[in-house]
N, C-alpha and C. Protein backbone atom coordinates (compact mmCIF):
# COMPACT_ATOMS: atom_id res chain seq x y z
N MET A 1 68.13 138.74 71.26
CA MET A 1 66.88 138.87 72.01
C MET A 1 66.08 137.57 71.97
N LYS A 2 66.12 136.89 70.82
CA LYS A 2 65.43 135.59 70.74
C LYS A 2 65.99 134.65 71.79
N TYR A 3 67.31 134.54 71.83
CA TYR A 3 67.94 133.61 72.77
C TYR A 3 67.65 134.00 74.21
N ILE A 4 67.80 135.29 74.53
CA ILE A 4 67.61 135.74 75.91
C ILE A 4 66.18 135.51 76.37
N LYS A 5 65.22 135.87 75.53
CA LYS A 5 63.81 135.69 75.92
C LYS A 5 63.43 134.22 76.00
N LEU A 6 63.97 133.42 75.09
CA LEU A 6 63.74 131.98 75.16
C LEU A 6 64.29 131.40 76.46
N ALA A 7 65.55 131.73 76.73
CA ALA A 7 66.22 131.16 77.90
C ALA A 7 65.56 131.58 79.21
N THR A 8 65.26 132.88 79.33
CA THR A 8 64.70 133.35 80.60
C THR A 8 63.29 132.81 80.83
N SER A 9 62.46 132.76 79.78
CA SER A 9 61.08 132.30 79.97
C SER A 9 61.03 130.81 80.28
N PHE A 10 61.77 130.00 79.52
CA PHE A 10 61.74 128.56 79.76
C PHE A 10 62.42 128.19 81.08
N ASN A 11 63.53 128.85 81.38
CA ASN A 11 64.23 128.55 82.64
C ASN A 11 63.40 128.97 83.84
N PHE A 12 62.75 130.13 83.74
CA PHE A 12 61.88 130.57 84.83
C PHE A 12 60.74 129.57 85.03
N GLY A 13 60.14 129.15 83.92
CA GLY A 13 59.05 128.19 84.01
C GLY A 13 59.50 126.87 84.61
N GLU A 14 60.70 126.44 84.24
CA GLU A 14 61.19 125.16 84.76
C GLU A 14 61.52 125.25 86.24
N VAL A 15 62.06 126.38 86.67
CA VAL A 15 62.34 126.58 88.10
C VAL A 15 61.05 126.50 88.90
N VAL A 16 60.00 127.18 88.41
CA VAL A 16 58.69 127.14 89.09
C VAL A 16 58.19 125.71 89.15
N SER A 17 58.32 124.98 88.04
CA SER A 17 57.85 123.59 87.98
C SER A 17 58.59 122.70 88.98
N VAL A 18 59.89 122.85 89.05
CA VAL A 18 60.70 122.04 89.98
C VAL A 18 60.32 122.33 91.42
N ILE A 19 60.12 123.60 91.74
CA ILE A 19 59.75 123.97 93.10
C ILE A 19 58.40 123.38 93.49
N ILE A 20 57.41 123.53 92.60
CA ILE A 20 56.07 123.01 92.89
C ILE A 20 56.09 121.49 92.98
N ALA A 21 56.73 120.84 92.01
CA ALA A 21 56.77 119.38 91.99
C ALA A 21 57.53 118.83 93.19
N SER A 22 58.61 119.48 93.57
CA SER A 22 59.40 119.01 94.72
C SER A 22 58.60 119.10 96.01
N ALA A 23 57.70 120.07 96.07
CA ALA A 23 56.87 120.23 97.26
C ALA A 23 55.73 119.21 97.31
N LEU A 24 55.25 118.79 96.14
CA LEU A 24 54.08 117.92 96.08
C LEU A 24 54.42 116.44 95.92
N LEU A 25 55.51 116.16 95.22
CA LEU A 25 55.88 114.77 94.97
C LEU A 25 56.77 114.23 96.08
N PRO A 26 56.76 112.91 96.30
CA PRO A 26 57.63 112.32 97.33
C PRO A 26 59.07 112.11 96.85
N PHE A 27 59.40 112.66 95.66
CA PHE A 27 60.75 112.55 95.11
C PHE A 27 61.00 113.74 94.20
N LEU A 28 62.25 113.96 93.82
CA LEU A 28 62.58 115.05 92.91
C LEU A 28 62.11 114.70 91.50
N PRO A 29 61.50 115.65 90.79
CA PRO A 29 61.05 115.37 89.42
C PRO A 29 62.22 115.13 88.47
N GLU A 30 63.37 115.68 88.79
CA GLU A 30 64.61 115.43 88.06
C GLU A 30 65.78 115.64 89.00
N THR A 31 66.84 114.88 88.79
CA THR A 31 68.03 115.05 89.61
C THR A 31 68.85 116.22 89.04
N PRO A 32 69.77 116.78 89.82
CA PRO A 32 70.60 117.88 89.31
C PRO A 32 71.36 117.53 88.03
N ILE A 33 71.92 116.31 87.95
CA ILE A 33 72.69 115.94 86.76
C ILE A 33 71.77 115.81 85.55
N GLN A 34 70.54 115.33 85.76
CA GLN A 34 69.59 115.24 84.66
C GLN A 34 69.20 116.63 84.16
N LEU A 35 69.01 117.57 85.07
CA LEU A 35 68.70 118.95 84.69
C LEU A 35 69.84 119.58 83.90
N LEU A 36 71.08 119.28 84.31
CA LEU A 36 72.25 119.84 83.61
C LEU A 36 72.36 119.28 82.20
N VAL A 37 72.17 117.97 82.04
CA VAL A 37 72.25 117.36 80.71
C VAL A 37 71.12 117.88 79.83
N GLU A 38 69.92 117.97 80.40
CA GLU A 38 68.78 118.50 79.67
C GLU A 38 69.06 119.92 79.18
N GLY A 39 69.56 120.77 80.08
CA GLY A 39 69.88 122.14 79.72
C GLY A 39 70.96 122.23 78.66
N LEU A 40 71.94 121.32 78.74
CA LEU A 40 73.02 121.31 77.75
C LEU A 40 72.48 120.96 76.36
N LEU A 41 71.62 119.95 76.30
CA LEU A 41 71.04 119.56 75.01
C LEU A 41 70.17 120.68 74.44
N TYR A 42 69.40 121.31 75.31
CA TYR A 42 68.54 122.40 74.86
C TYR A 42 69.37 123.58 74.35
N ASP A 43 70.45 123.89 75.06
CA ASP A 43 71.32 124.99 74.64
C ASP A 43 72.00 124.69 73.31
N PHE A 44 72.37 123.44 73.09
CA PHE A 44 72.92 123.06 71.79
C PHE A 44 71.92 123.36 70.68
N GLY A 45 70.64 123.11 70.96
CA GLY A 45 69.60 123.39 69.98
C GLY A 45 69.46 124.87 69.67
N GLN A 46 69.80 125.72 70.63
CA GLN A 46 69.69 127.17 70.44
C GLN A 46 70.92 127.78 69.78
N LEU A 47 72.00 127.01 69.66
CA LEU A 47 73.25 127.56 69.11
C LEU A 47 73.10 128.01 67.66
N THR A 48 72.06 127.51 66.98
CA THR A 48 71.87 127.88 65.57
C THR A 48 71.04 129.15 65.41
N LEU A 49 70.53 129.70 66.49
CA LEU A 49 69.69 130.90 66.40
C LEU A 49 70.38 132.09 65.72
N PRO A 50 71.71 132.28 65.87
CA PRO A 50 72.35 133.39 65.15
C PRO A 50 72.21 133.30 63.63
N PHE A 51 71.95 132.09 63.11
CA PHE A 51 71.76 131.92 61.67
C PHE A 51 70.31 132.10 61.24
N ASP A 52 69.42 132.27 62.21
CA ASP A 52 67.99 132.27 61.91
C ASP A 52 67.58 133.49 61.09
N HIS A 53 66.51 133.30 60.31
CA HIS A 53 65.93 134.41 59.56
C HIS A 53 65.24 135.37 60.53
N VAL A 54 65.25 136.65 60.17
CA VAL A 54 64.57 137.66 60.97
C VAL A 54 63.42 138.22 60.14
N ASP A 55 62.24 138.27 60.74
CA ASP A 55 61.08 138.80 60.02
C ASP A 55 61.33 140.26 59.61
N LYS A 56 60.88 140.61 58.42
CA LYS A 56 61.11 141.97 57.90
C LYS A 56 60.55 143.03 58.84
N GLU A 57 59.41 142.72 59.47
CA GLU A 57 58.78 143.68 60.38
C GLU A 57 59.69 144.02 61.55
N SER A 58 60.52 143.06 61.94
CA SER A 58 61.41 143.27 63.09
C SER A 58 62.59 144.17 62.75
N LEU A 59 62.80 144.40 61.45
CA LEU A 59 63.94 145.22 61.02
C LEU A 59 63.54 146.63 60.62
N GLN A 60 62.26 146.94 60.74
CA GLN A 60 61.78 148.25 60.29
C GLN A 60 62.13 149.38 61.25
N HIS A 61 62.30 149.03 62.52
CA HIS A 61 62.62 150.05 63.52
C HIS A 61 63.77 149.56 64.41
N PRO A 62 64.60 150.49 64.91
CA PRO A 62 65.70 150.09 65.79
C PRO A 62 65.18 149.39 67.05
N LYS A 63 65.93 148.41 67.52
CA LYS A 63 65.56 147.68 68.73
C LYS A 63 66.49 148.09 69.87
N THR A 64 65.92 148.22 71.04
CA THR A 64 66.73 148.51 72.23
C THR A 64 66.50 147.41 73.26
N PHE A 65 67.54 147.14 74.04
CA PHE A 65 67.41 146.12 75.08
C PHE A 65 66.64 146.72 76.25
N SER A 66 65.54 146.08 76.60
CA SER A 66 64.67 146.59 77.66
C SER A 66 64.47 145.53 78.74
N ILE A 67 64.89 145.84 79.95
CA ILE A 67 64.68 144.92 81.07
C ILE A 67 63.19 144.74 81.34
N LYS A 68 62.43 145.81 81.18
CA LYS A 68 60.98 145.73 81.42
C LYS A 68 60.33 144.77 80.42
N SER A 69 60.74 144.86 79.15
CA SER A 69 60.21 143.97 78.13
C SER A 69 60.58 142.52 78.43
N LEU A 70 61.81 142.31 78.85
CA LEU A 70 62.28 140.97 79.19
C LEU A 70 61.50 140.41 80.38
N LYS A 71 61.27 141.25 81.37
CA LYS A 71 60.52 140.83 82.56
C LYS A 71 59.08 140.48 82.19
N ASN A 72 58.45 141.32 81.37
CA ASN A 72 57.08 141.04 80.94
C ASN A 72 56.99 139.70 80.23
N PHE A 73 57.95 139.46 79.34
CA PHE A 73 57.96 138.23 78.56
C PHE A 73 58.17 137.02 79.47
N MET A 74 59.11 137.12 80.38
CA MET A 74 59.43 136.01 81.28
C MET A 74 58.25 135.65 82.16
N PHE A 75 57.59 136.66 82.73
CA PHE A 75 56.47 136.40 83.64
C PHE A 75 55.18 136.02 82.91
N PHE A 76 55.16 136.23 81.58
CA PHE A 76 53.99 135.85 80.80
C PHE A 76 54.14 134.43 80.23
N MET A 77 55.26 134.18 79.56
CA MET A 77 55.45 132.88 78.90
C MET A 77 56.00 131.82 79.84
N GLY A 78 56.76 132.22 80.86
CA GLY A 78 57.32 131.25 81.80
C GLY A 78 56.26 130.42 82.51
N PRO A 79 55.28 131.07 83.14
CA PRO A 79 54.22 130.30 83.82
C PRO A 79 53.40 129.43 82.86
N LEU A 80 53.31 129.83 81.60
CA LEU A 80 52.59 129.01 80.62
C LEU A 80 53.29 127.67 80.42
N SER A 81 54.60 127.70 80.24
CA SER A 81 55.34 126.45 80.08
C SER A 81 55.29 125.63 81.37
N SER A 82 55.30 126.32 82.51
CA SER A 82 55.20 125.64 83.80
C SER A 82 53.86 124.94 83.96
N ALA A 83 52.79 125.57 83.45
CA ALA A 83 51.45 124.98 83.54
C ALA A 83 51.40 123.65 82.79
N PHE A 84 52.10 123.58 81.66
CA PHE A 84 52.12 122.32 80.90
C PHE A 84 53.02 121.29 81.57
N ASP A 85 54.05 121.74 82.27
CA ASP A 85 54.83 120.81 83.09
C ASP A 85 53.93 120.17 84.14
N MET A 86 53.08 120.99 84.75
CA MET A 86 52.15 120.49 85.76
C MET A 86 51.16 119.49 85.15
N LEU A 87 50.77 119.75 83.90
CA LEU A 87 49.89 118.82 83.19
C LEU A 87 50.58 117.47 83.00
N VAL A 88 51.85 117.51 82.66
CA VAL A 88 52.62 116.27 82.51
C VAL A 88 52.71 115.54 83.85
N PHE A 89 53.05 116.27 84.91
CA PHE A 89 53.15 115.66 86.24
C PHE A 89 51.83 115.01 86.64
N ALA A 90 50.73 115.74 86.45
CA ALA A 90 49.42 115.23 86.85
C ALA A 90 49.05 113.99 86.03
N SER A 91 49.38 114.00 84.74
CA SER A 91 49.08 112.85 83.89
C SER A 91 49.86 111.62 84.34
N LEU A 92 51.13 111.83 84.64
CA LEU A 92 51.97 110.70 85.06
C LEU A 92 51.52 110.14 86.40
N TRP A 93 51.13 111.03 87.31
CA TRP A 93 50.79 110.60 88.67
C TRP A 93 49.38 110.03 88.77
N PHE A 94 48.41 110.73 88.16
CA PHE A 94 47.01 110.35 88.35
C PHE A 94 46.45 109.44 87.24
N ILE A 95 46.86 109.69 86.00
CA ILE A 95 46.32 108.89 84.89
C ILE A 95 47.13 107.60 84.69
N PHE A 96 48.45 107.78 84.54
CA PHE A 96 49.29 106.59 84.33
C PHE A 96 49.72 105.94 85.65
N GLN A 97 49.52 106.68 86.76
CA GLN A 97 49.83 106.18 88.11
C GLN A 97 51.26 105.65 88.22
N ILE A 98 52.17 106.44 87.72
CA ILE A 98 53.59 106.07 87.77
C ILE A 98 54.16 106.42 89.14
N ARG A 99 54.72 105.44 89.79
CA ARG A 99 55.35 105.64 91.10
C ARG A 99 56.84 105.34 91.05
N ASP A 100 57.28 104.80 89.92
CA ASP A 100 58.71 104.51 89.76
C ASP A 100 59.45 105.82 89.47
N VAL A 101 60.40 106.16 90.33
CA VAL A 101 61.08 107.45 90.25
C VAL A 101 61.81 107.63 88.91
N ALA A 102 62.56 106.61 88.50
CA ALA A 102 63.37 106.72 87.27
C ALA A 102 62.49 106.92 86.04
N THR A 103 61.37 106.21 85.97
CA THR A 103 60.46 106.35 84.83
C THR A 103 59.86 107.75 84.79
N PHE A 104 59.42 108.25 85.95
CA PHE A 104 58.84 109.59 86.07
C PHE A 104 59.86 110.64 85.61
N GLN A 105 61.09 110.53 86.11
CA GLN A 105 62.13 111.50 85.78
C GLN A 105 62.49 111.44 84.30
N THR A 106 62.51 110.25 83.73
CA THR A 106 62.87 110.08 82.32
C THR A 106 61.85 110.74 81.42
N ILE A 107 60.57 110.54 81.72
CA ILE A 107 59.52 111.12 80.87
C ILE A 107 59.59 112.65 80.92
N TRP A 108 59.79 113.21 82.11
CA TRP A 108 59.87 114.67 82.17
C TRP A 108 61.14 115.19 81.49
N PHE A 109 62.22 114.45 81.61
CA PHE A 109 63.48 114.81 80.93
C PHE A 109 63.25 114.94 79.43
N SER A 110 62.66 113.90 78.83
CA SER A 110 62.44 113.90 77.38
C SER A 110 61.38 114.93 76.98
N TYR A 111 60.34 115.09 77.82
CA TYR A 111 59.31 116.08 77.51
C TYR A 111 59.88 117.49 77.55
N SER A 112 60.69 117.79 78.52
CA SER A 112 61.24 119.14 78.66
C SER A 112 62.06 119.53 77.44
N ILE A 113 62.89 118.61 76.97
CA ILE A 113 63.70 118.89 75.79
C ILE A 113 62.82 119.08 74.56
N THR A 114 61.86 118.17 74.39
CA THR A 114 60.98 118.23 73.21
C THR A 114 60.14 119.51 73.20
N SER A 115 59.49 119.82 74.33
CA SER A 115 58.61 121.00 74.37
C SER A 115 59.40 122.29 74.23
N ASN A 116 60.58 122.35 74.82
CA ASN A 116 61.39 123.57 74.73
C ASN A 116 61.87 123.83 73.31
N LEU A 117 62.30 122.75 72.63
CA LEU A 117 62.82 122.93 71.27
C LEU A 117 61.71 123.19 70.26
N VAL A 118 60.55 122.60 70.47
CA VAL A 118 59.40 122.93 69.61
C VAL A 118 58.91 124.34 69.94
N GLY A 119 58.87 124.66 71.24
CA GLY A 119 58.46 125.98 71.68
C GLY A 119 59.36 127.08 71.14
N MET A 120 60.62 126.76 70.90
CA MET A 120 61.55 127.72 70.32
C MET A 120 61.03 128.24 68.98
N HIS A 121 60.38 127.40 68.20
CA HIS A 121 59.86 127.81 66.91
C HIS A 121 58.64 128.72 67.07
N ILE A 122 57.90 128.54 68.16
CA ILE A 122 56.75 129.42 68.44
C ILE A 122 57.25 130.81 68.83
N ILE A 123 58.29 130.83 69.66
CA ILE A 123 58.76 132.09 70.23
C ILE A 123 59.66 132.87 69.27
N ARG A 124 60.30 132.22 68.34
CA ARG A 124 61.29 132.90 67.49
C ARG A 124 60.69 133.94 66.54
N THR A 125 59.37 133.93 66.38
CA THR A 125 58.72 134.86 65.47
C THR A 125 57.38 135.32 66.03
N ALA A 126 57.00 136.54 65.68
CA ALA A 126 55.67 137.05 66.07
C ALA A 126 54.59 136.48 65.17
N LYS A 127 55.00 135.90 64.05
CA LYS A 127 54.05 135.35 63.09
C LYS A 127 53.71 133.90 63.43
N LEU A 128 52.91 133.28 62.56
CA LEU A 128 52.57 131.88 62.73
C LEU A 128 53.74 131.04 62.23
N PRO A 129 54.40 130.30 63.12
CA PRO A 129 55.57 129.53 62.70
C PRO A 129 55.21 128.42 61.72
N PHE A 130 56.18 128.05 60.89
CA PHE A 130 56.04 126.99 59.89
C PHE A 130 55.12 127.37 58.72
N VAL A 131 54.33 128.44 58.88
CA VAL A 131 53.39 128.85 57.83
C VAL A 131 53.74 130.25 57.32
N GLN A 132 53.68 131.24 58.22
CA GLN A 132 53.97 132.62 57.84
C GLN A 132 55.45 132.96 57.97
N SER A 133 56.16 132.24 58.81
CA SER A 133 57.58 132.51 59.03
C SER A 133 58.33 131.20 59.24
N ASN A 134 59.30 130.94 58.38
CA ASN A 134 60.09 129.72 58.48
C ASN A 134 61.47 130.03 59.05
N ALA A 135 61.94 129.16 59.91
CA ALA A 135 63.27 129.30 60.48
C ALA A 135 64.33 128.93 59.44
N HIS A 136 65.55 129.31 59.72
CA HIS A 136 66.67 128.88 58.88
C HIS A 136 66.79 127.36 58.97
N LYS A 137 67.24 126.74 57.89
CA LYS A 137 67.33 125.27 57.88
C LYS A 137 68.22 124.73 58.99
N ALA A 138 69.22 125.50 59.41
CA ALA A 138 70.09 125.07 60.50
C ALA A 138 69.30 124.95 61.81
N VAL A 139 68.33 125.85 62.01
CA VAL A 139 67.50 125.81 63.21
C VAL A 139 66.58 124.59 63.17
N TYR A 140 66.01 124.32 62.00
CA TYR A 140 65.16 123.14 61.84
C TYR A 140 65.95 121.86 62.09
N ILE A 141 67.14 121.79 61.51
CA ILE A 141 67.95 120.57 61.64
C ILE A 141 68.39 120.35 63.08
N SER A 142 68.88 121.41 63.73
CA SER A 142 69.37 121.26 65.11
C SER A 142 68.26 120.90 66.07
N SER A 143 67.10 121.55 65.94
CA SER A 143 66.00 121.26 66.86
C SER A 143 65.47 119.85 66.64
N SER A 144 65.34 119.43 65.39
CA SER A 144 64.86 118.07 65.11
C SER A 144 65.83 117.03 65.63
N LEU A 145 67.12 117.27 65.39
CA LEU A 145 68.14 116.33 65.83
C LEU A 145 68.18 116.22 67.34
N LEU A 146 68.08 117.36 68.04
CA LEU A 146 68.16 117.35 69.51
C LEU A 146 66.91 116.76 70.13
N ILE A 147 65.75 116.92 69.50
CA ILE A 147 64.54 116.25 70.00
C ILE A 147 64.72 114.74 69.91
N PHE A 148 65.27 114.27 68.79
CA PHE A 148 65.54 112.84 68.61
C PHE A 148 66.52 112.35 69.68
N VAL A 149 67.55 113.14 69.93
CA VAL A 149 68.53 112.78 70.96
C VAL A 149 67.88 112.74 72.34
N GLY A 150 67.00 113.72 72.61
CA GLY A 150 66.33 113.78 73.91
C GLY A 150 65.46 112.56 74.17
N ILE A 151 64.86 112.03 73.11
CA ILE A 151 64.05 110.82 73.24
C ILE A 151 64.94 109.59 73.33
N LEU A 152 66.07 109.61 72.62
CA LEU A 152 66.95 108.44 72.52
C LEU A 152 67.84 108.24 73.74
N VAL A 153 68.27 109.32 74.39
CA VAL A 153 69.23 109.23 75.50
C VAL A 153 68.85 108.21 76.57
N PRO A 154 67.58 108.15 77.01
CA PRO A 154 67.23 107.16 78.04
C PRO A 154 67.48 105.71 77.64
N PHE A 155 67.64 105.45 76.34
CA PHE A 155 67.88 104.09 75.86
C PHE A 155 69.37 103.79 75.71
N THR A 156 70.22 104.73 76.12
CA THR A 156 71.66 104.57 75.95
C THR A 156 72.38 104.42 77.29
N GLY A 157 73.67 104.13 77.20
CA GLY A 157 74.49 104.02 78.40
C GLY A 157 74.59 105.34 79.14
N LEU A 158 74.62 106.45 78.40
CA LEU A 158 74.66 107.77 79.03
C LEU A 158 73.40 107.98 79.87
N GLY A 159 72.26 107.58 79.31
CA GLY A 159 71.02 107.71 80.05
C GLY A 159 71.05 106.92 81.35
N ALA A 160 71.53 105.68 81.28
CA ALA A 160 71.63 104.84 82.48
C ALA A 160 72.58 105.46 83.49
N LEU A 161 73.63 106.10 82.99
CA LEU A 161 74.63 106.71 83.87
C LEU A 161 74.04 107.85 84.70
N ILE A 162 73.07 108.58 84.13
CA ILE A 162 72.47 109.71 84.86
C ILE A 162 71.10 109.36 85.45
N GLY A 163 70.78 108.07 85.46
CA GLY A 163 69.57 107.63 86.15
C GLY A 163 68.31 107.55 85.31
N LEU A 164 68.46 107.60 83.99
CA LEU A 164 67.30 107.49 83.11
C LEU A 164 67.09 106.03 82.69
N VAL A 165 65.86 105.72 82.29
CA VAL A 165 65.53 104.36 81.89
C VAL A 165 64.73 104.38 80.59
N PRO A 166 64.76 103.31 79.80
CA PRO A 166 63.91 103.24 78.59
C PRO A 166 62.44 103.35 78.97
N ILE A 167 61.67 104.04 78.14
CA ILE A 167 60.24 104.23 78.42
C ILE A 167 59.40 103.63 77.30
N GLU A 168 58.16 103.30 77.61
CA GLU A 168 57.26 102.69 76.64
C GLU A 168 56.81 103.70 75.59
N LEU A 169 56.36 103.17 74.46
CA LEU A 169 55.93 104.00 73.34
C LEU A 169 54.78 104.92 73.72
N LYS A 170 53.89 104.46 74.60
CA LYS A 170 52.73 105.29 74.98
C LYS A 170 53.17 106.57 75.69
N TYR A 171 54.27 106.51 76.42
CA TYR A 171 54.78 107.70 77.10
C TYR A 171 55.43 108.66 76.10
N ILE A 172 56.09 108.11 75.09
CA ILE A 172 56.67 108.95 74.04
C ILE A 172 55.55 109.65 73.27
N ALA A 173 54.47 108.91 73.02
CA ALA A 173 53.31 109.50 72.34
C ALA A 173 52.72 110.62 73.18
N MET A 174 52.62 110.42 74.49
CA MET A 174 52.10 111.44 75.38
C MET A 174 52.95 112.70 75.34
N ILE A 175 54.27 112.52 75.28
CA ILE A 175 55.20 113.65 75.21
C ILE A 175 54.88 114.53 74.00
N PHE A 176 54.65 113.90 72.85
CA PHE A 176 54.38 114.67 71.63
C PHE A 176 52.97 115.26 71.61
N VAL A 177 52.02 114.56 72.19
CA VAL A 177 50.65 115.07 72.25
C VAL A 177 50.58 116.34 73.11
N ILE A 178 51.19 116.29 74.30
CA ILE A 178 51.16 117.46 75.18
C ILE A 178 51.99 118.60 74.60
N THR A 179 53.09 118.27 73.92
CA THR A 179 53.89 119.31 73.25
C THR A 179 53.08 120.00 72.16
N LEU A 180 52.31 119.22 71.40
CA LEU A 180 51.46 119.79 70.35
C LEU A 180 50.39 120.69 70.96
N LEU A 181 49.80 120.25 72.06
CA LEU A 181 48.80 121.06 72.76
C LEU A 181 49.42 122.37 73.25
N TYR A 182 50.65 122.28 73.78
CA TYR A 182 51.36 123.48 74.23
C TYR A 182 51.54 124.46 73.07
N CYS A 183 51.85 123.95 71.89
CA CYS A 183 52.05 124.81 70.72
C CYS A 183 50.81 125.63 70.41
N PHE A 184 49.66 124.98 70.38
CA PHE A 184 48.41 125.67 70.07
C PHE A 184 48.09 126.75 71.11
N VAL A 185 48.29 126.40 72.39
CA VAL A 185 48.01 127.37 73.45
C VAL A 185 49.02 128.51 73.41
N ALA A 186 50.29 128.19 73.14
CA ALA A 186 51.33 129.22 73.08
C ALA A 186 51.10 130.19 71.94
N ILE A 187 50.61 129.69 70.82
CA ILE A 187 50.30 130.57 69.67
C ILE A 187 49.19 131.55 70.04
N PHE A 188 48.17 131.04 70.73
CA PHE A 188 47.09 131.92 71.20
C PHE A 188 47.62 132.92 72.23
N ALA A 189 48.46 132.45 73.16
CA ALA A 189 49.03 133.32 74.18
C ALA A 189 49.89 134.42 73.54
N LYS A 190 50.57 134.07 72.46
CA LYS A 190 51.39 135.05 71.76
C LYS A 190 50.54 136.19 71.22
N LYS A 191 49.38 135.86 70.66
CA LYS A 191 48.48 136.89 70.15
C LYS A 191 48.02 137.81 71.28
N VAL A 192 47.71 137.22 72.43
CA VAL A 192 47.28 138.01 73.59
C VAL A 192 48.40 138.93 74.05
N TYR A 193 49.62 138.38 74.10
CA TYR A 193 50.78 139.17 74.55
C TYR A 193 51.03 140.36 73.62
N ILE A 194 51.02 140.09 72.32
CA ILE A 194 51.27 141.16 71.33
C ILE A 194 50.21 142.24 71.43
N LYS A 195 48.96 141.83 71.61
CA LYS A 195 47.87 142.80 71.75
C LYS A 195 48.03 143.64 73.01
N LYS A 196 48.53 143.03 74.08
CA LYS A 196 48.68 143.73 75.35
C LYS A 196 49.89 144.65 75.37
N TYR A 197 51.03 144.14 74.87
CA TYR A 197 52.28 144.91 75.00
C TYR A 197 52.75 145.53 73.69
N GLY A 198 52.11 145.19 72.58
CA GLY A 198 52.47 145.80 71.30
C GLY A 198 53.82 145.38 70.77
N GLU A 199 54.35 144.25 71.21
CA GLU A 199 55.65 143.76 70.74
C GLU A 199 55.73 142.26 70.98
N TRP A 200 56.77 141.67 70.45
CA TRP A 200 57.05 140.26 70.74
C TRP A 200 58.53 140.11 71.05
N ILE A 201 59.34 139.90 70.05
CA ILE A 201 60.79 139.78 70.28
C ILE A 201 61.43 141.15 70.09
């Protein structure tokens, strides 16, 4: 359920972001090959979820697979991640005034991987992550490693092969600042969701 809800909410949010950005920008926010590589790296980060700890509260009652629950989660958390994608787009276009296609695509590529893998820790538990509920060390290692890879890829030959370019330190800092902001908002949104629907994962 962790994997399914993570995948559907983030993928739904990203689809919305691509549609909106493609309509507003004079270029694609990411190319198809960049989206595929990004998704592959993110999925590698999720491969350790079967080893993750499960909160005791989640084991007190039997769980059933509910399409309605999945739909509620997707339509609640998906647009939230999309809203932060829009914040990134607006920052790049209006604040940093980036018009270079490769630079724009590279920043969103690295941001998407970073925010999704950090967001995974928010979504994996109904509790406060890192404080009230800790992930398995394999989840911590894989997510940290893949975030590093997501930032590093644009500086490699693979990055050049798929149209990415090295980016300045200020853009990397922006990626982490907006990701941190997303975490705080997502934690608050989680409380609202649990209060409304009486469940999380």
